[in-house]
N, C-alpha and C. Protein backbone atom coordinates (compact mmCIF):
# COMPACT_ATOMS: atom_id res chain seq x y z
N UNK A 1 1.00 -1.17 -0.33
CA UNK A 1 -0.02 -0.12 -0.24
C UNK A 1 0.93 1.07 0.25
N UNK A 2 0.65 2.22 -1.08
CA UNK A 2 1.58 3.31 -1.01
C UNK A 2 0.78 4.78 -0.57
N UNK A 3 1.49 5.67 -0.31
CA UNK A 3 0.89 6.85 0.56
C UNK A 3 1.29 7.90 -0.42
N UNK A 4 0.17 8.74 -0.74
CA UNK A 4 0.70 10.08 -1.17
C UNK A 4 -0.04 11.31 -0.64
N UNK A 5 0.59 12.45 -0.87
CA UNK A 5 -0.08 13.52 -0.25
C UNK A 5 -0.97 14.11 -1.33
N UNK A 6 -2.16 14.57 -0.91
CA UNK A 6 -3.27 15.06 -2.02
C UNK A 6 -4.03 15.92 -1.31
N UNK A 7 -4.55 16.77 -2.15
CA UNK A 7 -5.55 17.79 -1.91
C UNK A 7 -6.50 17.89 -2.93
N UNK A 8 -7.98 18.73 -2.60
CA UNK A 8 -8.81 18.85 -3.57
C UNK A 8 -9.09 20.22 -3.83
N UNK A 9 -9.28 20.96 -5.25
CA UNK A 9 -9.27 22.20 -5.54
C UNK A 9 -9.91 22.58 -6.64
N UNK A 10 -10.39 23.70 -6.94
CA UNK A 10 -10.81 24.03 -8.32
C UNK A 10 -9.58 25.00 -8.75
N UNK A 11 -9.69 25.21 -9.99
CA UNK A 11 -8.55 25.94 -10.65
C UNK A 11 -9.04 27.31 -10.86
N UNK A 12 -7.98 28.00 -11.14
CA UNK A 12 -8.35 29.73 -11.44
C UNK A 12 -7.98 30.03 -12.89
N UNK A 13 -8.48 30.89 -13.73
CA UNK A 13 -8.34 31.31 -14.97
C UNK A 13 -6.95 31.63 -15.49
N UNK A 14 -6.60 31.79 -16.63
CA UNK A 14 -5.21 32.18 -16.96
C UNK A 14 -4.81 33.77 -16.80
N UNK A 15 -6.35 34.21 -16.94
CA UNK A 15 -6.18 35.73 -16.37
C UNK A 15 -5.71 36.29 -15.17
N UNK A 16 -6.57 35.42 -14.38
CA UNK A 16 -6.00 35.49 -12.78
C UNK A 16 -4.98 35.48 -12.49
N UNK A 17 -4.29 34.17 -13.14
CA UNK A 17 -2.76 33.66 -12.80
C UNK A 17 -1.83 34.58 -13.40
N UNK A 18 -2.20 35.31 -14.62
CA UNK A 18 -1.10 36.49 -15.06
C UNK A 18 -1.30 37.41 -14.12
N UNK A 19 -2.14 37.92 -13.67
CA UNK A 19 -2.38 39.07 -12.63
C UNK A 19 -1.82 38.78 -11.39
N UNK A 20 -1.71 37.54 -10.87
CA UNK A 20 -1.26 37.35 -9.74
C UNK A 20 0.26 37.15 -9.80
N UNK A 21 0.91 36.54 -11.10
CA UNK A 21 2.03 36.99 -11.29
C UNK A 21 2.63 38.24 -11.12
N UNK A 22 2.10 39.00 -11.75
CA UNK A 22 2.51 40.61 -11.58
C UNK A 22 2.14 40.89 -10.05
N UNK A 23 1.47 41.00 -9.35
CA UNK A 23 1.31 40.98 -8.17
C UNK A 23 2.48 40.36 -7.23
N UNK A 24 2.75 39.24 -7.34
CA UNK A 24 3.86 38.54 -6.75
C UNK A 24 4.91 39.20 -7.10
N UNK A 25 5.48 39.64 -8.26
CA UNK A 25 6.49 40.06 -8.76
C UNK A 25 6.93 41.54 -7.99
N UNK A 26 5.82 42.13 -7.79
CA UNK A 26 5.52 43.52 -6.94
C UNK A 26 5.90 43.28 -5.51
N UNK A 27 5.46 42.17 -4.89
CA UNK A 27 5.33 41.65 -3.49
C UNK A 27 7.08 41.40 -3.27
N UNK A 28 7.35 40.66 -4.04
CA UNK A 28 8.85 40.21 -3.83
C UNK A 28 9.66 41.29 -3.91
N UNK A 29 9.59 42.35 -4.57
CA UNK A 29 10.27 43.66 -4.77
C UNK A 29 10.21 44.51 -3.67
N UNK A 30 8.85 44.57 -3.34
CA UNK A 30 8.72 45.41 -2.27
C UNK A 30 8.90 44.61 -0.67
N UNK A 31 9.11 43.49 -0.66
CA UNK A 31 9.33 42.68 0.58
C UNK A 31 10.77 41.93 0.37
N UNK A 32 11.46 42.37 -0.43
CA UNK A 32 12.86 41.70 -0.63
C UNK A 32 13.67 41.55 0.89
N UNK A 33 14.07 40.45 1.10
CA UNK A 33 14.72 40.15 2.13
C UNK A 33 13.88 39.72 3.40
N UNK A 34 12.36 39.82 3.39
CA UNK A 34 11.53 39.47 4.13
C UNK A 34 11.21 37.82 4.36
N UNK A 35 11.13 37.52 5.49
CA UNK A 35 11.12 35.96 5.52
C UNK A 35 9.72 35.11 5.20
N UNK A 36 9.55 35.18 3.83
CA UNK A 36 8.05 34.81 3.40
C UNK A 36 8.68 33.54 2.24
N UNK A 37 7.91 32.64 2.32
CA UNK A 37 8.24 31.75 1.23
C UNK A 37 6.77 31.64 0.19
N UNK A 38 7.10 32.15 -0.98
CA UNK A 38 6.29 32.53 -1.97
C UNK A 38 6.07 31.35 -2.80
N UNK A 39 4.51 31.45 -3.18
CA UNK A 39 4.07 29.81 -4.05
C UNK A 39 4.39 30.24 -5.31
N UNK A 40 5.16 29.40 -5.96
CA UNK A 40 5.07 29.66 -7.72
C UNK A 40 3.61 29.83 -8.00
N UNK A 41 3.48 30.89 -9.26
CA UNK A 41 2.12 31.21 -9.81
C UNK A 41 1.49 30.24 -10.41
N UNK A 42 2.48 29.20 -10.89
CA UNK A 42 1.78 28.09 -11.57
C UNK A 42 1.08 27.04 -10.28
N UNK A 43 1.25 27.00 -9.25
CA UNK A 43 0.95 25.92 -8.05
C UNK A 43 -0.45 26.89 -7.44
N UNK A 44 -0.69 28.16 -7.89
CA UNK A 44 -1.65 28.61 -7.41
C UNK A 44 -3.22 28.06 -7.68
N UNK A 45 -3.81 27.66 -6.70
CA UNK A 45 -5.20 26.96 -6.94
C UNK A 45 -6.24 27.08 -5.83
N UNK A 46 -7.58 27.16 -5.77
CA UNK A 46 -8.22 27.44 -4.85
C UNK A 46 -8.56 26.18 -4.14
N UNK A 47 -7.80 25.90 -2.91
CA UNK A 47 -8.13 24.69 -2.23
C UNK A 47 -9.51 24.44 -1.64
N UNK A 48 -9.98 23.25 -1.65
CA UNK A 48 -11.12 23.18 -0.78
C UNK A 48 -11.05 22.31 0.07
N UNK A 49 -10.11 21.20 -0.16
CA UNK A 49 -9.76 20.44 0.91
C UNK A 49 -8.41 19.81 0.86
N UNK A 50 -7.71 20.01 2.02
CA UNK A 50 -6.44 19.55 2.28
C UNK A 50 -6.48 18.07 2.74
N UNK A 51 -6.19 16.88 2.07
CA UNK A 51 -6.45 15.59 2.59
C UNK A 51 -5.27 15.40 3.21
N UNK A 52 -3.82 15.71 2.92
CA UNK A 52 -2.73 15.22 3.60
C UNK A 52 -2.45 13.93 3.02
N UNK A 53 -1.90 13.02 4.05
CA UNK A 53 -1.53 11.54 3.42
C UNK A 53 -2.79 10.58 3.03
N UNK A 54 -2.54 10.21 1.86
CA UNK A 54 -3.74 9.46 1.25
C UNK A 54 -3.08 8.09 0.85
N UNK A 55 -3.99 6.80 1.45
CA UNK A 55 -3.82 5.49 0.80
C UNK A 55 -3.98 5.75 -0.89
N UNK A 56 -3.15 5.29 -1.66
CA UNK A 56 -3.82 4.88 -2.69
C UNK A 56 -4.93 3.99 -3.17
N UNK A 57 -5.21 3.12 -2.07
CA UNK A 57 -6.40 2.28 -2.05
C UNK A 57 -7.67 3.23 -1.80
N UNK A 58 -7.54 4.20 -1.68
CA UNK A 58 -8.36 5.22 -1.31
C UNK A 58 -8.97 6.10 -2.28
N UNK A 59 -8.28 6.20 -3.24
CA UNK A 59 -8.11 7.17 -4.54
C UNK A 59 -9.46 6.87 -5.23
N UNK A 60 -9.94 5.72 -5.44
CA UNK A 60 -11.53 5.40 -6.30
C UNK A 60 -12.39 5.96 -5.42
N UNK A 61 -12.46 5.83 -4.06
CA UNK A 61 -13.62 6.24 -3.21
C UNK A 61 -13.47 7.82 -3.35
N UNK A 62 -12.39 8.39 -3.12
CA UNK A 62 -12.26 10.08 -3.17
C UNK A 62 -12.94 10.37 -4.66
N UNK A 63 -12.29 9.66 -5.99
CA UNK A 63 -12.84 9.93 -7.05
C UNK A 63 -14.30 9.98 -7.18
N UNK A 64 -14.97 9.05 -6.76
CA UNK A 64 -16.33 8.91 -6.55
C UNK A 64 -17.40 9.84 -5.78
N UNK A 65 -16.69 10.38 -4.89
CA UNK A 65 -17.04 11.26 -3.86
C UNK A 65 -17.08 12.83 -4.78
N UNK A 66 -16.23 13.00 -5.23
CA UNK A 66 -15.61 13.98 -6.22
C UNK A 66 -16.95 14.14 -7.34
N UNK A 67 -17.15 12.56 -7.88
CA UNK A 67 -18.14 12.90 -8.99
C UNK A 67 -19.65 13.34 -8.56
N UNK A 68 -19.89 12.49 -7.31
CA UNK A 68 -21.13 12.74 -6.77
C UNK A 68 -21.46 14.23 -6.40
N UNK A 69 -20.48 14.99 -5.77
CA UNK A 69 -20.32 16.15 -5.07
C UNK A 69 -20.57 17.18 -6.51
N UNK A 70 -19.77 17.10 -7.53
CA UNK A 70 -19.90 17.45 -8.81
C UNK A 70 -20.79 17.59 -9.58
N UNK A 71 -21.63 16.67 -9.33
CA UNK A 71 -23.13 16.37 -10.20
C UNK A 71 -24.09 17.11 -9.81
N UNK A 72 -24.10 17.56 -8.48
CA UNK A 72 -25.13 18.19 -8.03
C UNK A 72 -24.61 19.67 -7.84
N UNK A 73 -23.57 20.53 -8.74
CA UNK A 73 -23.18 21.58 -8.55
C UNK A 73 -23.39 22.06 -9.90
N UNK A 74 -23.80 23.10 -10.30
CA UNK A 74 -23.65 24.13 -11.71
C UNK A 74 -22.63 25.10 -11.53
N UNK A 75 -22.17 25.15 -12.82
CA UNK A 75 -20.97 26.03 -13.21
C UNK A 75 -21.11 27.28 -12.32
N UNK A 76 -20.21 27.97 -12.17
CA UNK A 76 -20.69 29.45 -11.57
C UNK A 76 -19.03 30.28 -11.64
N UNK A 77 -19.10 31.63 -11.59
CA UNK A 77 -18.24 32.28 -11.72
C UNK A 77 -17.58 32.92 -10.44
N UNK A 78 -16.38 32.95 -10.15
CA UNK A 78 -15.74 33.44 -8.92
C UNK A 78 -14.81 34.63 -9.44
N UNK A 79 -14.67 35.69 -8.61
CA UNK A 79 -13.57 36.81 -8.46
C UNK A 79 -12.71 36.91 -7.66
N UNK A 80 -11.34 37.24 -8.22
CA UNK A 80 -10.47 37.49 -6.95
C UNK A 80 -10.38 38.65 -6.75
N UNK A 81 -10.06 39.11 -5.33
CA UNK A 81 -10.11 40.61 -5.18
C UNK A 81 -8.86 41.05 -4.27
N UNK A 82 -9.10 41.46 -3.23
CA UNK A 82 -8.12 42.28 -2.49
C UNK A 82 -7.25 41.28 -1.89
N UNK A 83 -5.91 41.88 -1.16
CA UNK A 83 -4.80 41.35 -0.86
C UNK A 83 -5.17 41.22 0.82
N UNK A 84 -4.84 40.23 1.45
CA UNK A 84 -4.69 40.17 3.01
C UNK A 84 -3.88 39.05 3.46
N UNK A 85 -4.15 38.88 4.86
CA UNK A 85 -3.29 37.57 5.70
C UNK A 85 -4.24 37.19 6.82
N UNK A 86 -3.73 35.84 7.05
CA UNK A 86 -4.26 35.25 8.32
C UNK A 86 -3.22 35.19 9.01
N UNK A 87 -3.42 35.33 10.93
CA UNK A 87 -4.83 35.78 10.85
C UNK A 87 -5.16 37.21 11.28
N UNK A 88 -4.17 37.96 10.52
CA UNK A 88 -4.14 39.54 10.06
C UNK A 88 -3.16 40.31 9.48
N UNK A 89 -3.27 41.36 9.00
CA UNK A 89 -2.08 42.03 8.04
C UNK A 89 -0.96 42.31 8.96
N UNK A 90 -1.10 42.53 10.18
CA UNK A 90 0.11 43.00 10.97
C UNK A 90 0.62 41.56 11.96
N UNK A 91 -0.27 40.46 11.80
CA UNK A 91 0.41 39.12 12.42
C UNK A 91 0.39 38.35 11.30
N UNK A 92 0.95 38.46 10.10
CA UNK A 92 0.76 37.57 9.09
C UNK A 92 1.29 36.29 9.11
N UNK A 93 0.62 35.17 8.94
CA UNK A 93 1.11 33.91 8.77
C UNK A 93 0.92 33.34 7.18
N UNK A 94 -0.03 33.78 6.88
CA UNK A 94 -0.27 33.26 5.30
C UNK A 94 -0.85 34.49 4.53
N UNK A 95 -0.22 34.88 3.56
CA UNK A 95 -0.74 36.00 2.51
C UNK A 95 -1.33 35.48 1.70
N UNK A 96 -2.46 36.08 1.04
CA UNK A 96 -3.50 35.54 0.40
C UNK A 96 -4.52 36.73 -0.33
N UNK A 97 -4.95 36.39 -1.54
CA UNK A 97 -6.00 37.19 -2.46
C UNK A 97 -7.29 36.55 -2.07
N UNK A 98 -8.46 37.46 -1.35
CA UNK A 98 -9.63 36.83 -1.63
C UNK A 98 -10.36 36.29 -2.43
N UNK A 99 -11.34 35.39 -2.39
CA UNK A 99 -12.09 34.93 -3.51
C UNK A 99 -13.74 35.31 -3.15
N UNK A 100 -14.35 35.90 -4.28
CA UNK A 100 -15.76 36.07 -3.88
C UNK A 100 -16.50 35.06 -4.97
N UNK A 101 -17.37 34.48 -4.39
CA UNK A 101 -18.25 33.18 -5.37
C UNK A 101 -19.47 33.10 -4.55
N UNK A 102 -20.51 32.82 -5.97
CA UNK A 102 -21.72 32.44 -4.96
C UNK A 102 -21.61 31.47 -4.03
N UNK A 103 -22.82 31.18 -3.18
CA UNK A 103 -23.18 30.11 -2.18
C UNK A 103 -22.68 28.73 -2.74
N UNK A 104 -22.97 28.23 -3.85
CA UNK A 104 -22.59 27.25 -4.36
C UNK A 104 -21.07 26.65 -4.34
N UNK A 105 -20.21 27.34 -3.95
CA UNK A 105 -18.70 27.14 -3.73
C UNK A 105 -18.42 26.64 -2.24
N UNK A 106 -19.45 27.37 -1.32
CA UNK A 106 -19.24 26.80 0.14
C UNK A 106 -19.93 25.76 0.19
N UNK A 107 -21.15 25.29 -0.37
CA UNK A 107 -22.13 24.42 -0.38
C UNK A 107 -21.21 22.85 -1.14
N UNK A 108 -20.42 23.18 -1.87
CA UNK A 108 -19.49 22.24 -2.57
C UNK A 108 -18.27 21.67 -1.76
N UNK A 109 -17.85 22.77 -1.05
CA UNK A 109 -16.71 22.54 -0.04
C UNK A 109 -17.30 21.77 1.17
N UNK A 110 -18.29 22.21 1.71
CA UNK A 110 -19.17 21.61 2.77
C UNK A 110 -19.31 20.11 2.62
N UNK A 111 -19.95 19.70 1.35
CA UNK A 111 -20.36 18.28 0.81
C UNK A 111 -18.86 17.76 0.96
N UNK A 112 -17.69 18.20 0.28
CA UNK A 112 -16.71 17.27 0.29
C UNK A 112 -15.97 17.00 1.48
N UNK A 113 -15.88 18.02 2.40
CA UNK A 113 -15.77 17.95 3.78
C UNK A 113 -16.15 17.10 4.59
N UNK A 114 -17.60 16.74 4.53
CA UNK A 114 -18.61 15.87 4.93
C UNK A 114 -18.32 14.54 4.84
N UNK A 115 -18.01 14.43 3.28
CA UNK A 115 -18.05 13.04 2.78
C UNK A 115 -16.38 12.68 3.10
N UNK A 116 -15.57 13.51 2.97
CA UNK A 116 -14.16 12.91 3.33
C UNK A 116 -13.94 12.70 4.56
N UNK A 117 -14.76 13.30 5.70
CA UNK A 117 -14.56 12.91 6.87
C UNK A 117 -15.19 11.40 7.42
N UNK A 118 -16.09 11.14 6.43
CA UNK A 118 -16.52 9.63 6.62
C UNK A 118 -15.36 8.63 6.57
N UNK A 119 -14.44 9.17 5.58
CA UNK A 119 -13.23 8.43 5.30
C UNK A 119 -12.01 8.44 6.32
N UNK A 120 -12.42 9.34 7.42
CA UNK A 120 -11.31 9.50 8.25
C UNK A 120 -10.48 10.54 8.22
N UNK A 121 -10.65 11.47 7.05
CA UNK A 121 -9.77 12.74 7.07
C UNK A 121 -10.56 13.92 7.83
N UNK A 122 -9.91 14.38 8.39
CA UNK A 122 -10.19 15.64 9.89
C UNK A 122 -10.94 16.60 8.94
N UNK A 123 -12.17 16.71 9.61
CA UNK A 123 -12.78 18.01 9.01
C UNK A 123 -12.21 19.45 9.14
N UNK A 124 -12.46 20.46 8.38
CA UNK A 124 -11.82 21.67 8.94
C UNK A 124 -12.20 22.09 9.87
N UNK A 125 -11.32 22.63 10.68
CA UNK A 125 -11.88 23.38 12.20
C UNK A 125 -12.12 24.74 12.08
N UNK A 126 -12.03 25.52 10.94
CA UNK A 126 -12.43 26.98 11.08
C UNK A 126 -13.47 26.82 9.60
N UNK A 127 -14.06 27.95 9.78
CA UNK A 127 -15.05 28.47 8.69
C UNK A 127 -14.23 28.40 7.38
N UNK A 128 -15.11 27.95 6.67
CA UNK A 128 -14.40 28.11 5.00
C UNK A 128 -14.16 29.57 4.56
N UNK A 129 -13.07 29.84 4.28
CA UNK A 129 -12.91 31.30 3.96
C UNK A 129 -11.96 31.20 2.65
N UNK A 130 -12.70 31.28 1.31
CA UNK A 130 -11.95 30.98 0.01
C UNK A 130 -11.04 32.13 -0.25
N UNK A 131 -9.68 31.36 -0.38
CA UNK A 131 -8.48 32.38 -0.89
C UNK A 131 -7.78 31.67 -1.67
N UNK A 132 -6.79 32.46 -2.22
CA UNK A 132 -5.57 31.79 -3.04
C UNK A 132 -4.34 32.25 -2.19
N UNK A 133 -3.55 31.34 -1.65
CA UNK A 133 -2.29 31.60 -1.15
C UNK A 133 -1.09 32.07 -2.06
N UNK A 134 -0.74 33.12 -1.55
CA UNK A 134 0.52 33.64 -2.45
C UNK A 134 1.92 33.56 -1.39
N UNK A 135 1.93 33.37 -0.47
CA UNK A 135 2.99 33.15 0.56
C UNK A 135 2.70 32.80 2.07
N UNK A 136 3.64 32.26 2.24
CA UNK A 136 3.75 31.62 3.89
C UNK A 136 5.01 32.45 4.60
N UNK A 137 4.60 33.27 5.80
CA UNK A 137 5.48 33.91 6.42
C UNK A 137 6.28 32.95 7.45
N UNK A 138 7.68 33.02 7.58
CA UNK A 138 7.91 32.10 8.51
C UNK A 138 8.15 32.34 10.13
N UNK A 139 7.80 31.48 10.71
CA UNK A 139 7.54 31.21 12.26
C UNK A 139 8.83 32.18 12.88
N UNK A 140 9.93 32.33 12.35
CA UNK A 140 10.99 33.12 12.72
C UNK A 140 11.03 34.50 12.75
N UNK A 141 10.00 34.75 11.78
CA UNK A 141 9.94 36.36 11.58
C UNK A 141 9.86 37.27 12.92
N UNK A 142 10.52 38.35 12.88
CA UNK A 142 10.53 39.10 13.96
C UNK A 142 9.64 40.03 13.89
N UNK A 143 9.39 41.16 14.94
CA UNK A 143 8.08 41.99 14.89
C UNK A 143 8.45 43.17 13.82
N UNK A 144 9.60 43.66 13.62
CA UNK A 144 9.77 44.29 12.66
C UNK A 144 9.65 43.71 10.95
N UNK A 145 10.07 42.55 10.83
CA UNK A 145 9.45 41.89 9.62
C UNK A 145 7.87 42.02 9.60
N UNK A 146 7.30 41.27 10.31
CA UNK A 146 5.87 41.45 10.51
C UNK A 146 5.25 42.86 10.33
N UNK A 147 5.81 44.00 11.18
CA UNK A 147 5.22 45.33 10.73
C UNK A 147 5.40 45.23 8.96
N UNK A 148 6.49 45.49 8.78
CA UNK A 148 6.79 45.65 7.28
C UNK A 148 5.76 44.90 6.48
N UNK A 149 5.91 43.69 6.62
CA UNK A 149 4.81 42.97 5.79
C UNK A 149 3.41 43.47 5.79
N UNK A 150 2.87 43.68 7.33
CA UNK A 150 1.78 44.38 7.50
C UNK A 150 1.36 45.73 6.61
N UNK A 151 2.71 46.75 6.60
CA UNK A 151 2.42 47.98 5.65
C UNK A 151 2.15 47.79 4.51
N UNK A 152 3.07 46.97 3.89
CA UNK A 152 3.07 46.61 2.48
C UNK A 152 1.64 45.95 2.18
N UNK A 153 0.96 45.14 2.69
CA UNK A 153 -0.41 44.55 2.46
C UNK A 153 -1.34 45.36 2.59
N UNK A 154 -1.34 46.45 3.38
CA UNK A 154 -2.31 47.24 3.85
C UNK A 154 -2.36 48.47 2.72
N UNK A 155 -1.08 48.77 2.25
CA UNK A 155 -1.12 49.99 1.21
C UNK A 155 -1.17 49.54 -0.19
N UNK A 156 -1.05 47.98 -0.68
CA UNK A 156 -1.24 47.75 -1.66
C UNK A 156 -2.55 47.53 -2.25
N UNK A 157 -3.12 48.14 -3.47
CA UNK A 157 -4.16 48.04 -3.68
C UNK A 157 -4.48 47.17 -5.17
N UNK A 158 -5.15 46.23 -5.04
CA UNK A 158 -4.97 45.18 -6.06
C UNK A 158 -6.58 45.70 -6.82
N UNK A 159 -7.65 46.06 -6.41
CA UNK A 159 -9.15 46.04 -6.97
C UNK A 159 -9.42 44.79 -7.40
N UNK A 160 -10.48 44.69 -8.40
CA UNK A 160 -10.38 43.23 -8.80
C UNK A 160 -9.62 42.84 -9.70
N UNK A 161 -9.19 41.39 -9.42
CA UNK A 161 -7.96 41.06 -9.94
C UNK A 161 -8.30 40.17 -11.31
N UNK A 162 -9.67 39.62 -11.19
CA UNK A 162 -10.10 38.98 -12.31
C UNK A 162 -10.99 37.63 -12.17
N UNK A 163 -11.75 37.06 -13.22
CA UNK A 163 -12.66 36.58 -12.81
C UNK A 163 -12.51 35.21 -13.42
N UNK A 164 -12.87 33.97 -12.96
CA UNK A 164 -12.80 32.63 -13.49
C UNK A 164 -14.43 31.78 -13.33
N UNK A 165 -14.38 31.23 -14.50
CA UNK A 165 -15.35 30.51 -14.50
C UNK A 165 -15.17 28.80 -13.99
N UNK A 166 -16.05 28.71 -13.02
CA UNK A 166 -15.48 27.35 -12.55
C UNK A 166 -16.52 26.17 -12.78
N UNK A 167 -15.85 25.13 -13.33
CA UNK A 167 -16.68 23.95 -14.10
C UNK A 167 -16.31 22.83 -13.78
N UNK A 168 -15.73 22.55 -12.81
CA UNK A 168 -15.11 21.34 -12.47
C UNK A 168 -14.50 21.24 -10.94
N UNK A 169 -14.07 20.26 -10.18
CA UNK A 169 -13.33 19.95 -9.21
C UNK A 169 -12.13 19.15 -9.52
N UNK A 170 -11.27 19.17 -9.00
CA UNK A 170 -9.71 18.42 -9.17
C UNK A 170 -9.18 17.54 -8.05
N UNK A 171 -8.53 16.60 -8.13
CA UNK A 171 -7.90 15.90 -7.11
C UNK A 171 -6.68 15.97 -7.57
N UNK A 172 -5.75 16.74 -6.86
CA UNK A 172 -4.52 16.67 -7.01
C UNK A 172 -3.53 15.88 -6.02
N UNK A 173 -2.34 15.63 -6.70
CA UNK A 173 -1.09 14.81 -5.83
C UNK A 173 -0.30 15.84 -5.81
N UNK A 174 0.35 15.99 -4.43
CA UNK A 174 1.60 17.01 -4.21
C UNK A 174 2.59 16.29 -3.61
N UNK A 175 3.80 16.26 -4.72
CA UNK A 175 4.93 15.89 -4.13
C UNK A 175 6.03 16.78 -3.75
N UNK A 176 6.68 16.82 -2.61
CA UNK A 176 7.51 18.05 -2.19
C UNK A 176 8.75 17.67 -2.59
N UNK A 177 9.52 18.42 -3.50
CA UNK A 177 11.14 18.18 -4.05
C UNK A 177 11.70 19.35 -3.36
N UNK A 178 12.92 19.27 -3.28
CA UNK A 178 14.08 20.25 -3.09
C UNK A 178 13.55 21.65 -3.69
N UNK A 179 13.30 21.78 -4.73
CA UNK A 179 12.97 22.82 -5.61
C UNK A 179 11.46 23.34 -5.13
N UNK A 180 10.92 22.65 -4.22
CA UNK A 180 9.26 23.05 -4.11
C UNK A 180 8.47 22.01 -4.24
N UNK A 181 6.95 22.45 -4.03
CA UNK A 181 6.06 21.41 -4.31
C UNK A 181 5.68 21.28 -5.82
N UNK A 182 5.49 19.95 -6.57
CA UNK A 182 4.90 19.78 -7.56
C UNK A 182 3.75 19.08 -7.57
N UNK A 183 2.64 19.89 -8.42
CA UNK A 183 1.35 19.25 -8.31
C UNK A 183 0.80 18.52 -9.49
N UNK A 184 0.23 17.29 -9.34
CA UNK A 184 0.01 16.61 -10.46
C UNK A 184 -1.66 16.52 -10.41
N UNK A 185 -2.46 16.70 -11.39
CA UNK A 185 -4.02 16.51 -11.37
C UNK A 185 -3.85 14.77 -11.65
N UNK A 186 -4.54 14.17 -10.55
CA UNK A 186 -5.00 13.03 -10.89
C UNK A 186 -6.34 12.69 -11.15
N UNK A 187 -7.28 13.40 -11.10
CA UNK A 187 -9.05 13.26 -11.50
C UNK A 187 -9.48 14.59 -11.55
N UNK A 188 -10.45 14.78 -12.44
CA UNK A 188 -11.38 16.19 -12.19
C UNK A 188 -12.86 15.50 -12.52
N UNK A 189 -13.69 16.23 -12.15
CA UNK A 189 -15.21 15.70 -12.14
C UNK A 189 -15.92 17.10 -12.42
N UNK A 190 -16.62 16.97 -13.61
CA UNK A 190 -17.06 18.04 -13.98
C UNK A 190 -18.51 18.40 -13.42
N UNK A 191 -18.89 19.71 -13.30
CA UNK A 191 -20.15 20.38 -12.81
C UNK A 191 -21.33 19.86 -13.58
N UNK A 192 -22.41 20.00 -12.90
CA UNK A 192 -23.80 19.53 -13.91
C UNK A 192 -24.02 20.56 -14.83
N UNK A 193 -24.11 20.75 -15.92
CA UNK A 193 -24.45 22.19 -16.84
C UNK A 193 -25.94 22.39 -16.48
N UNK A 194 -26.80 21.41 -16.20
CA UNK A 194 -28.18 21.62 -16.36
C UNK A 194 -28.43 22.61 -15.25
N UNK A 195 -29.58 23.36 -15.44
CA UNK A 195 -30.05 24.12 -14.43
C UNK A 195 -29.05 25.39 -14.24
N UNK A 196 -28.27 25.75 -15.37
CA UNK A 196 -27.42 26.82 -15.28
C UNK A 196 -27.93 27.99 -15.48
N UNK A 197 -27.61 28.80 -14.98
CA UNK A 197 -28.27 30.33 -15.19
C UNK A 197 -27.14 31.05 -16.00
N UNK A 198 -27.41 31.77 -17.12
CA UNK A 198 -26.69 32.60 -17.57
C UNK A 198 -25.42 32.23 -18.43
């Protein structure tokens, strides 16, 4: 029995990806030397569920869960918005861009969280807050680092970054290499185009 690391996500549009690349370039310049591990732009997805270690024997069940959940979901549009950080701009641990989407996104995430919990994957302990992770701040960052990051995040105005039409959900494998994480799409489940509005 082999184990892989995996997560469930929806993809962003090339338009959003291009704009995020430009924002990341600005942030790297403005925060040069700050203890932040930036996410490569090609690795940015909207994560719905981080599964962690997954037995390959569970993959078929996970694929089935995604098919069932996706079949009850209509395609929708989401927009990427402003810059921020968890837990706050001046105590940053995760730097992100917010996502605005219809209620269907939260319902999809809730359904996936519920069904995977039955397989033994821990439920999310925080309310779902859709976002795109741009970077992670080192735990060794000092107070002046944190203040500097907070100042940049607060002053950087993005406006609406772009929109993405979401029509499927994906199961990704994550392999950690010395050069960073490599994501491989293992499976995709398309939404139900019936009942679509617009």
